[in-house]
């Protein structure tokens, strides 16, 4: 059976949906999640097998890798939806463990940082705010945009090689 593949961040996987609407089922299966609405409402997608590869806290490099891996791993892909996320979104591997030791840090506003609380990591929110401010001084958004254009061009070439249509979704980028 031909497939429609969705890649992206928590917007794609539905992470946080239950927090907003408790008791309404799992996030990824929620009928109003945009992925499921596309699959059920777009006639060309209804008869395709739905593959949702969204993952919380992904940055655009993770989403690019996930999309490349999907193209390599799945046969019979008809359509791909690649949903890009916030820029910049930093991920740090803070330990060498077999379980999850990554921290995602992203700017939420000028004076706030969002990150997933991990009890194994003893850094305060203030420390991470300071770190993010220091990194932002060195990091220009222009490079993130250039990398995104490079990712798009590579994915367009790869998807055409397997005869799959690919669409890019601005899920959380700082422009319309």
N, C-alpha and C. Protein backbone atom coordinates (compact mmCIF):
# COMPACT_ATOMS: atom_id res chain seq x y z
N UNK A 1 0.84 -1.18 0.00
CA UNK A 1 0.00 0.00 0.00
C UNK A 1 0.89 1.25 0.00
N UNK A 2 0.51 2.22 -0.79
CA UNK A 2 1.26 3.49 -0.84
C UNK A 2 1.07 4.25 0.47
N UNK A 3 2.08 5.09 0.79
CA UNK A 3 2.10 5.77 2.08
C UNK A 3 2.13 7.29 1.92
N UNK A 4 1.58 7.96 2.93
CA UNK A 4 1.78 9.39 3.11
C UNK A 4 2.56 9.53 4.42
N UNK A 5 3.71 10.20 4.35
CA UNK A 5 4.61 10.32 5.49
C UNK A 5 4.63 11.77 5.96
N UNK A 6 4.49 11.94 7.28
CA UNK A 6 4.57 13.26 7.90
C UNK A 6 5.78 13.27 8.82
N UNK A 7 6.63 14.30 8.68
CA UNK A 7 7.75 14.49 9.59
C UNK A 7 7.63 15.90 10.18
N UNK A 8 8.18 16.08 11.37
CA UNK A 8 8.13 17.38 12.01
C UNK A 8 8.35 17.28 13.50
N UNK A 9 7.98 18.33 14.21
CA UNK A 9 8.18 18.40 15.66
C UNK A 9 6.89 18.04 16.39
N UNK A 10 6.70 18.58 17.58
CA UNK A 10 5.52 18.26 18.39
C UNK A 10 4.23 18.68 17.70
N UNK A 11 4.28 19.66 16.81
CA UNK A 11 3.08 20.03 16.06
C UNK A 11 2.60 18.87 15.21
N UNK A 12 3.52 18.06 14.72
CA UNK A 12 3.19 16.93 13.87
C UNK A 12 2.78 15.71 14.68
N UNK A 13 3.48 15.45 15.76
CA UNK A 13 3.18 14.27 16.57
C UNK A 13 1.99 14.49 17.51
N UNK A 14 1.62 15.74 17.74
CA UNK A 14 0.50 16.03 18.61
C UNK A 14 0.86 16.11 20.07
N UNK A 15 2.15 16.22 20.37
CA UNK A 15 2.59 16.32 21.77
C UNK A 15 1.97 17.56 22.41
N UNK A 16 1.39 17.38 23.57
CA UNK A 16 0.76 18.48 24.26
C UNK A 16 -0.73 18.59 24.03
N UNK A 17 -1.24 17.85 23.07
CA UNK A 17 -2.68 17.93 22.78
C UNK A 17 -3.49 17.49 24.00
N UNK A 18 -3.07 16.41 24.66
CA UNK A 18 -3.79 15.92 25.83
C UNK A 18 -3.76 16.91 26.97
N UNK A 19 -2.69 17.66 27.10
CA UNK A 19 -2.60 18.66 28.16
C UNK A 19 -3.66 19.74 27.97
N UNK A 20 -3.99 20.02 26.72
CA UNK A 20 -4.99 21.03 26.43
C UNK A 20 -6.40 20.46 26.47
N UNK A 21 -6.55 19.19 26.15
CA UNK A 21 -7.85 18.54 26.10
C UNK A 21 -7.77 17.17 26.76
N UNK A 22 -7.66 17.14 28.09
CA UNK A 22 -7.51 15.85 28.77
C UNK A 22 -8.69 14.92 28.51
N UNK A 23 -8.39 13.63 28.41
CA UNK A 23 -9.43 12.63 28.25
C UNK A 23 -9.93 12.43 26.84
N UNK A 24 -9.30 13.05 25.85
CA UNK A 24 -9.78 12.93 24.47
C UNK A 24 -8.94 11.96 23.65
N UNK A 25 -8.27 11.01 24.25
CA UNK A 25 -7.50 10.04 23.49
C UNK A 25 -6.06 10.45 23.32
N UNK A 26 -5.31 9.59 22.66
CA UNK A 26 -3.89 9.85 22.49
C UNK A 26 -3.67 11.00 21.53
N UNK A 27 -2.56 11.68 21.70
CA UNK A 27 -2.24 12.85 20.89
C UNK A 27 -2.17 12.54 19.40
N UNK A 28 -1.39 11.54 19.06
CA UNK A 28 -1.15 11.24 17.65
C UNK A 28 -2.41 10.77 16.94
N UNK A 29 -3.36 10.23 17.68
CA UNK A 29 -4.60 9.73 17.08
C UNK A 29 -5.76 10.72 17.12
N UNK A 30 -5.53 11.90 17.68
CA UNK A 30 -6.62 12.86 17.82
C UNK A 30 -7.13 13.27 16.44
N UNK A 31 -8.43 13.20 16.21
CA UNK A 31 -8.97 13.50 14.86
C UNK A 31 -8.74 14.93 14.40
N UNK A 32 -8.52 15.87 15.32
CA UNK A 32 -8.30 17.26 14.93
C UNK A 32 -6.84 17.65 14.80
N UNK A 33 -5.93 16.72 15.01
CA UNK A 33 -4.52 16.98 14.76
C UNK A 33 -4.36 17.22 13.26
N UNK A 34 -3.60 18.23 12.87
CA UNK A 34 -3.53 18.63 11.46
C UNK A 34 -3.15 17.47 10.54
N UNK A 35 -2.28 16.59 11.02
CA UNK A 35 -1.86 15.42 10.23
C UNK A 35 -3.08 14.56 9.91
N UNK A 36 -3.87 14.29 10.92
CA UNK A 36 -5.05 13.43 10.73
C UNK A 36 -6.12 14.12 9.92
N UNK A 37 -6.25 15.43 10.07
CA UNK A 37 -7.21 16.18 9.24
C UNK A 37 -6.81 16.11 7.76
N UNK A 38 -5.51 16.29 7.49
CA UNK A 38 -5.04 16.17 6.10
C UNK A 38 -5.34 14.78 5.55
N UNK A 39 -5.03 13.76 6.34
CA UNK A 39 -5.21 12.38 5.88
C UNK A 39 -6.68 12.06 5.64
N UNK A 40 -7.55 12.55 6.48
CA UNK A 40 -8.97 12.21 6.35
C UNK A 40 -9.73 13.13 5.41
N UNK A 41 -9.25 14.36 5.20
CA UNK A 41 -10.02 15.34 4.43
C UNK A 41 -9.52 15.59 3.01
N UNK A 42 -8.29 15.26 2.72
CA UNK A 42 -7.75 15.48 1.37
C UNK A 42 -7.97 14.21 0.58
N UNK A 43 -8.81 14.26 -0.45
CA UNK A 43 -9.18 13.03 -1.18
C UNK A 43 -7.98 12.21 -1.67
N UNK A 44 -6.90 12.87 -2.12
CA UNK A 44 -5.74 12.15 -2.65
C UNK A 44 -4.99 11.38 -1.56
N UNK A 45 -5.24 11.69 -0.29
CA UNK A 45 -4.51 11.05 0.81
C UNK A 45 -5.32 9.98 1.53
N UNK A 46 -6.62 9.99 1.36
CA UNK A 46 -7.51 9.10 2.14
C UNK A 46 -7.16 7.63 2.02
N UNK A 47 -6.76 7.19 0.84
CA UNK A 47 -6.49 5.76 0.62
C UNK A 47 -5.03 5.38 0.81
N UNK A 48 -4.24 6.30 1.34
CA UNK A 48 -2.83 6.02 1.59
C UNK A 48 -2.64 5.63 3.05
N UNK A 49 -1.65 4.81 3.32
CA UNK A 49 -1.30 4.46 4.70
C UNK A 49 -0.63 5.66 5.36
N UNK A 50 -1.11 6.05 6.52
CA UNK A 50 -0.57 7.20 7.24
C UNK A 50 0.63 6.77 8.08
N UNK A 51 1.76 7.49 7.90
CA UNK A 51 2.97 7.26 8.71
C UNK A 51 3.34 8.61 9.32
N UNK A 52 3.18 8.74 10.64
CA UNK A 52 3.50 9.98 11.34
C UNK A 52 4.81 9.79 12.08
N UNK A 53 5.86 10.47 11.61
CA UNK A 53 7.19 10.37 12.20
C UNK A 53 7.57 11.62 12.98
N UNK A 54 6.59 12.42 13.35
CA UNK A 54 6.86 13.61 14.14
C UNK A 54 7.45 13.22 15.48
N UNK A 55 8.31 14.10 16.03
CA UNK A 55 8.93 13.85 17.33
C UNK A 55 9.08 15.17 18.07
N UNK A 56 8.72 15.17 19.33
CA UNK A 56 8.81 16.38 20.15
C UNK A 56 10.25 16.86 20.29
N UNK A 57 10.40 18.14 20.38
CA UNK A 57 11.68 18.81 20.62
C UNK A 57 12.66 18.73 19.46
N UNK A 58 12.21 18.31 18.30
CA UNK A 58 13.11 18.26 17.14
C UNK A 58 13.50 19.65 16.70
N UNK A 59 14.71 19.77 16.19
CA UNK A 59 15.09 20.98 15.47
C UNK A 59 15.03 20.65 13.98
N UNK A 60 15.32 21.61 13.12
CA UNK A 60 15.19 21.38 11.68
C UNK A 60 16.19 20.36 11.16
N UNK A 61 17.36 20.25 11.77
CA UNK A 61 18.32 19.22 11.37
C UNK A 61 17.75 17.83 11.66
N UNK A 62 17.11 17.67 12.83
CA UNK A 62 16.48 16.39 13.17
C UNK A 62 15.37 16.05 12.18
N UNK A 63 14.57 17.05 11.83
CA UNK A 63 13.45 16.83 10.90
C UNK A 63 13.99 16.46 9.52
N UNK A 64 15.05 17.13 9.09
CA UNK A 64 15.69 16.79 7.82
C UNK A 64 16.15 15.33 7.84
N UNK A 65 16.86 14.94 8.90
CA UNK A 65 17.36 13.56 9.01
C UNK A 65 16.22 12.55 9.04
N UNK A 66 15.17 12.87 9.75
CA UNK A 66 14.01 11.98 9.83
C UNK A 66 13.36 11.80 8.46
N UNK A 67 13.31 12.86 7.68
CA UNK A 67 12.71 12.79 6.34
C UNK A 67 13.60 11.99 5.40
N UNK A 68 14.90 12.21 5.45
CA UNK A 68 15.84 11.42 4.63
C UNK A 68 15.73 9.95 5.00
N UNK A 69 15.70 9.66 6.29
CA UNK A 69 15.58 8.27 6.75
C UNK A 69 14.27 7.63 6.29
N UNK A 70 13.20 8.39 6.31
CA UNK A 70 11.92 7.86 5.83
C UNK A 70 11.99 7.51 4.35
N UNK A 71 12.62 8.36 3.56
CA UNK A 71 12.77 8.09 2.13
C UNK A 71 13.60 6.83 1.91
N UNK A 72 14.62 6.65 2.74
CA UNK A 72 15.49 5.48 2.61
C UNK A 72 14.82 4.20 3.12
N UNK A 73 14.02 4.32 4.19
CA UNK A 73 13.49 3.14 4.86
C UNK A 73 12.15 2.63 4.33
N UNK A 74 11.31 3.53 3.87
CA UNK A 74 9.96 3.13 3.45
C UNK A 74 9.88 2.98 1.94
N UNK A 75 9.24 1.94 1.52
CA UNK A 75 8.99 1.79 0.09
C UNK A 75 7.58 2.28 -0.19
N UNK A 76 7.32 2.60 -1.42
CA UNK A 76 5.97 2.99 -1.84
C UNK A 76 5.48 4.29 -1.20
N UNK A 77 6.36 5.26 -1.03
CA UNK A 77 5.91 6.56 -0.52
C UNK A 77 5.30 7.33 -1.68
N UNK A 78 4.07 7.78 -1.48
CA UNK A 78 3.40 8.60 -2.47
C UNK A 78 3.62 10.08 -2.19
N UNK A 79 3.45 10.47 -0.91
CA UNK A 79 3.48 11.88 -0.54
C UNK A 79 4.20 12.05 0.79
N UNK A 80 4.97 13.14 0.90
CA UNK A 80 5.66 13.49 2.14
C UNK A 80 5.26 14.91 2.52
N UNK A 81 4.93 15.09 3.79
CA UNK A 81 4.74 16.42 4.36
C UNK A 81 5.84 16.63 5.40
N UNK A 82 6.68 17.61 5.16
CA UNK A 82 7.80 17.91 6.06
C UNK A 82 7.49 19.24 6.72
N UNK A 83 7.23 19.21 8.04
CA UNK A 83 6.86 20.40 8.80
C UNK A 83 8.08 20.94 9.53
N UNK A 84 8.52 22.14 9.14
CA UNK A 84 9.68 22.76 9.77
C UNK A 84 9.29 23.42 11.08
N UNK A 85 10.26 23.60 11.96
CA UNK A 85 9.99 24.11 13.30
C UNK A 85 10.72 25.42 13.57
N UNK A 86 10.71 25.83 14.84
CA UNK A 86 11.28 27.11 15.26
C UNK A 86 12.77 27.19 14.96
N UNK A 87 13.21 28.40 14.69
CA UNK A 87 14.63 28.66 14.49
C UNK A 87 15.03 29.80 15.41
N UNK A 88 16.11 29.74 16.07
CA UNK A 88 16.90 28.54 16.28
C UNK A 88 16.29 27.70 17.40
N UNK A 89 16.51 26.41 17.32
CA UNK A 89 16.13 25.49 18.39
C UNK A 89 17.36 24.65 18.65
N UNK A 90 17.91 24.76 19.81
CA UNK A 90 19.16 24.10 20.14
C UNK A 90 18.89 22.79 20.87
N UNK A 91 19.67 21.78 20.56
CA UNK A 91 19.61 20.51 21.28
C UNK A 91 21.02 20.17 21.74
N UNK A 92 21.10 19.78 22.99
CA UNK A 92 22.38 19.41 23.57
C UNK A 92 22.29 18.00 24.11
N UNK A 93 23.27 17.18 23.82
CA UNK A 93 23.38 15.87 24.45
C UNK A 93 24.23 16.08 25.69
N UNK A 94 23.60 15.95 26.83
CA UNK A 94 24.26 16.31 28.08
C UNK A 94 24.81 15.10 28.83
N UNK A 95 24.81 13.97 28.18
CA UNK A 95 25.36 12.78 28.80
C UNK A 95 25.46 11.66 27.80
N UNK A 96 26.30 10.70 28.09
CA UNK A 96 26.42 9.53 27.22
C UNK A 96 25.74 8.37 27.93
N UNK A 97 24.48 8.23 27.66
CA UNK A 97 23.67 7.20 28.29
C UNK A 97 22.83 6.52 27.22
N UNK A 98 22.31 5.36 27.55
CA UNK A 98 21.43 4.68 26.61
C UNK A 98 20.02 5.25 26.65
N UNK A 99 19.65 5.87 27.77
CA UNK A 99 18.35 6.52 27.83
C UNK A 99 18.51 7.99 27.43
N UNK A 100 17.42 8.71 27.36
CA UNK A 100 17.38 10.08 26.86
C UNK A 100 18.17 11.03 27.77
N UNK A 101 19.15 11.70 27.19
CA UNK A 101 19.91 12.71 27.92
C UNK A 101 20.00 14.01 27.12
N UNK A 102 19.11 14.20 26.18
CA UNK A 102 19.15 15.42 25.39
C UNK A 102 18.26 16.48 26.01
N UNK A 103 18.67 17.72 25.86
CA UNK A 103 17.87 18.85 26.27
C UNK A 103 17.64 19.73 25.06
N UNK A 104 16.40 20.11 24.83
CA UNK A 104 16.06 21.04 23.76
C UNK A 104 15.83 22.40 24.39
N UNK A 105 16.50 23.40 23.87
CA UNK A 105 16.37 24.75 24.39
C UNK A 105 16.00 25.65 23.22
N UNK A 106 14.92 26.40 23.41
CA UNK A 106 14.48 27.29 22.34
C UNK A 106 14.02 28.61 22.92
N UNK A 107 14.21 29.69 22.18
CA UNK A 107 13.71 30.97 22.67
C UNK A 107 12.19 31.01 22.58
N UNK A 108 11.53 31.35 23.69
CA UNK A 108 10.08 31.50 23.69
C UNK A 108 9.71 32.98 23.61
N UNK A 109 10.48 33.79 24.23
CA UNK A 109 10.34 35.24 24.15
C UNK A 109 11.71 35.82 24.48
N UNK A 110 11.81 37.10 24.52
CA UNK A 110 13.12 37.72 24.74
C UNK A 110 13.76 37.29 26.07
N UNK A 111 12.97 37.08 27.09
CA UNK A 111 13.55 36.82 28.41
C UNK A 111 13.20 35.43 28.96
N UNK A 112 12.73 34.55 28.13
CA UNK A 112 12.34 33.22 28.63
C UNK A 112 12.96 32.14 27.77
N UNK A 113 13.19 31.01 28.37
CA UNK A 113 13.70 29.85 27.66
C UNK A 113 12.73 28.72 27.91
N UNK A 114 12.47 27.91 26.89
CA UNK A 114 11.68 26.71 27.07
C UNK A 114 12.58 25.51 26.96
N UNK A 115 12.46 24.59 27.86
CA UNK A 115 13.22 23.36 27.78
C UNK A 115 12.46 22.28 28.51
N UNK A 116 12.77 21.04 28.17
CA UNK A 116 12.11 19.92 28.83
C UNK A 116 12.84 19.66 30.13
N UNK A 117 12.11 19.70 31.23
CA UNK A 117 12.72 19.44 32.53
C UNK A 117 13.19 18.01 32.60
N UNK A 118 14.42 17.83 32.99
CA UNK A 118 15.01 16.51 33.14
C UNK A 118 15.63 16.45 34.53
N UNK A 119 15.09 15.63 35.42
CA UNK A 119 15.58 15.62 36.81
C UNK A 119 17.04 15.19 36.93
N UNK A 120 17.60 14.55 35.91
CA UNK A 120 18.99 14.11 35.97
C UNK A 120 19.95 15.26 35.70
N UNK A 121 19.44 16.39 35.25
CA UNK A 121 20.29 17.51 34.89
C UNK A 121 20.05 18.63 35.90
N UNK A 122 21.11 19.12 36.53
CA UNK A 122 20.96 20.06 37.62
C UNK A 122 21.12 21.51 37.24
N UNK A 123 20.89 21.89 36.00
CA UNK A 123 21.06 23.28 35.60
C UNK A 123 19.76 24.03 35.80
N UNK A 124 19.88 25.23 36.28
CA UNK A 124 18.69 26.04 36.53
C UNK A 124 18.21 26.70 35.24
N UNK A 125 16.98 27.16 35.27
CA UNK A 125 16.42 27.89 34.14
C UNK A 125 17.25 29.16 33.90
N UNK A 126 17.71 29.80 34.98
CA UNK A 126 18.52 31.01 34.86
C UNK A 126 19.83 30.72 34.13
N UNK A 127 20.46 29.60 34.47
CA UNK A 127 21.70 29.21 33.80
C UNK A 127 21.44 29.00 32.31
N UNK A 128 20.36 28.29 31.97
CA UNK A 128 20.05 28.05 30.56
C UNK A 128 19.67 29.34 29.84
N UNK A 129 18.98 30.27 30.51
CA UNK A 129 18.69 31.57 29.90
C UNK A 129 19.98 32.30 29.57
N UNK A 130 20.91 32.30 30.50
CA UNK A 130 22.20 32.95 30.28
C UNK A 130 22.95 32.30 29.13
N UNK A 131 22.97 30.97 29.12
CA UNK A 131 23.63 30.23 28.04
C UNK A 131 23.02 30.57 26.69
N UNK A 132 21.70 30.57 26.61
CA UNK A 132 21.02 30.86 25.35
C UNK A 132 21.34 32.27 24.86
N UNK A 133 21.35 33.23 25.76
CA UNK A 133 21.68 34.60 25.38
C UNK A 133 23.10 34.69 24.81
N UNK A 134 24.04 33.97 25.41
CA UNK A 134 25.42 33.97 24.93
C UNK A 134 25.52 33.32 23.55
N UNK A 135 24.80 32.23 23.36
CA UNK A 135 24.83 31.54 22.06
C UNK A 135 24.19 32.42 20.99
N UNK A 136 23.09 33.09 21.32
CA UNK A 136 22.40 33.93 20.34
C UNK A 136 23.27 35.08 19.84
N UNK A 137 24.19 35.56 20.68
CA UNK A 137 25.10 36.62 20.26
C UNK A 137 25.97 36.11 19.10
N UNK A 138 26.33 34.84 19.14
CA UNK A 138 27.20 34.25 18.11
C UNK A 138 26.44 33.71 16.91
N UNK A 139 25.16 33.49 17.05
CA UNK A 139 24.38 32.77 16.05
C UNK A 139 23.44 33.72 15.33
N UNK A 140 23.55 33.75 14.03
CA UNK A 140 22.67 34.61 13.23
C UNK A 140 21.62 33.76 12.54
N UNK A 141 20.38 34.21 12.55
CA UNK A 141 19.27 33.47 11.95
C UNK A 141 19.49 33.23 10.45
N UNK A 142 20.27 34.09 9.80
CA UNK A 142 20.54 33.94 8.37
C UNK A 142 21.06 32.53 8.05
N UNK A 143 21.98 32.02 8.87
CA UNK A 143 22.55 30.69 8.60
C UNK A 143 21.49 29.61 8.73
N UNK A 144 20.56 29.75 9.67
CA UNK A 144 19.48 28.78 9.80
C UNK A 144 18.59 28.77 8.55
N UNK A 145 18.34 29.92 7.99
CA UNK A 145 17.53 30.02 6.77
C UNK A 145 18.26 29.37 5.60
N UNK A 146 19.56 29.63 5.48
CA UNK A 146 20.36 29.02 4.41
C UNK A 146 20.35 27.49 4.55
N UNK A 147 20.53 26.99 5.77
CA UNK A 147 20.50 25.53 5.98
C UNK A 147 19.13 24.97 5.60
N UNK A 148 18.06 25.68 5.95
CA UNK A 148 16.72 25.21 5.61
C UNK A 148 16.53 25.13 4.09
N UNK A 149 17.04 26.11 3.37
CA UNK A 149 16.97 26.08 1.90
C UNK A 149 17.77 24.88 1.36
N UNK A 150 18.94 24.61 1.94
CA UNK A 150 19.72 23.45 1.54
C UNK A 150 18.96 22.15 1.81
N UNK A 151 18.34 22.04 2.99
CA UNK A 151 17.55 20.85 3.32
C UNK A 151 16.42 20.65 2.33
N UNK A 152 15.70 21.73 2.01
CA UNK A 152 14.58 21.65 1.07
C UNK A 152 15.06 21.15 -0.29
N UNK A 153 16.16 21.70 -0.79
CA UNK A 153 16.66 21.29 -2.10
C UNK A 153 17.09 19.82 -2.13
N UNK A 154 17.74 19.37 -1.07
CA UNK A 154 18.13 17.95 -0.99
C UNK A 154 16.91 17.06 -0.95
N UNK A 155 15.93 17.42 -0.11
CA UNK A 155 14.72 16.59 0.01
C UNK A 155 13.91 16.56 -1.28
N UNK A 156 13.87 17.68 -2.00
CA UNK A 156 13.18 17.70 -3.30
C UNK A 156 13.84 16.72 -4.27
N UNK A 157 15.17 16.70 -4.31
CA UNK A 157 15.88 15.77 -5.20
C UNK A 157 15.64 14.32 -4.79
N UNK A 158 15.78 14.04 -3.50
CA UNK A 158 15.59 12.65 -3.03
C UNK A 158 14.17 12.16 -3.27
N UNK A 159 13.19 13.00 -2.99
CA UNK A 159 11.81 12.57 -3.19
C UNK A 159 11.50 12.35 -4.67
N UNK A 160 12.08 13.14 -5.53
CA UNK A 160 11.84 12.92 -6.96
C UNK A 160 12.47 11.61 -7.44
N UNK A 161 13.55 11.19 -6.81
CA UNK A 161 14.19 9.93 -7.18
C UNK A 161 13.34 8.71 -6.83
N UNK A 162 12.46 8.86 -5.85
CA UNK A 162 11.56 7.74 -5.49
C UNK A 162 10.13 8.03 -5.94
N UNK A 163 9.97 9.04 -6.80
CA UNK A 163 8.67 9.43 -7.35
C UNK A 163 7.64 9.77 -6.28
N UNK A 164 8.08 10.46 -5.24
CA UNK A 164 7.18 10.90 -4.18
C UNK A 164 7.00 12.42 -4.28
N UNK A 165 5.78 12.85 -4.04
CA UNK A 165 5.51 14.28 -3.96
C UNK A 165 5.92 14.74 -2.56
N UNK A 166 6.49 15.95 -2.46
CA UNK A 166 6.89 16.46 -1.14
C UNK A 166 6.36 17.88 -0.97
N UNK A 167 5.84 18.13 0.23
CA UNK A 167 5.31 19.44 0.58
C UNK A 167 5.99 19.88 1.87
N UNK A 168 6.28 21.17 1.96
CA UNK A 168 6.93 21.72 3.14
C UNK A 168 5.95 22.62 3.87
N UNK A 169 5.86 22.44 5.17
CA UNK A 169 4.90 23.14 6.00
C UNK A 169 5.65 24.04 6.98
N UNK A 170 5.27 25.31 7.03
CA UNK A 170 5.84 26.23 8.00
C UNK A 170 5.06 26.06 9.29
N UNK A 171 5.56 25.19 10.15
CA UNK A 171 4.87 24.94 11.39
C UNK A 171 5.19 25.94 12.47
N UNK A 172 6.43 26.44 12.48
CA UNK A 172 6.84 27.25 13.61
C UNK A 172 7.97 28.20 13.22
N UNK A 173 8.15 28.42 11.91
CA UNK A 173 9.22 29.31 11.43
C UNK A 173 8.81 30.76 11.63
N UNK A 174 9.78 31.67 11.76
CA UNK A 174 9.46 33.07 12.08
C UNK A 174 9.06 33.92 10.87
N UNK A 175 8.34 33.36 9.93
CA UNK A 175 7.81 34.12 8.79
C UNK A 175 6.54 33.45 8.31
N UNK A 176 5.75 34.18 7.52
CA UNK A 176 4.50 33.62 6.97
C UNK A 176 4.79 32.73 5.80
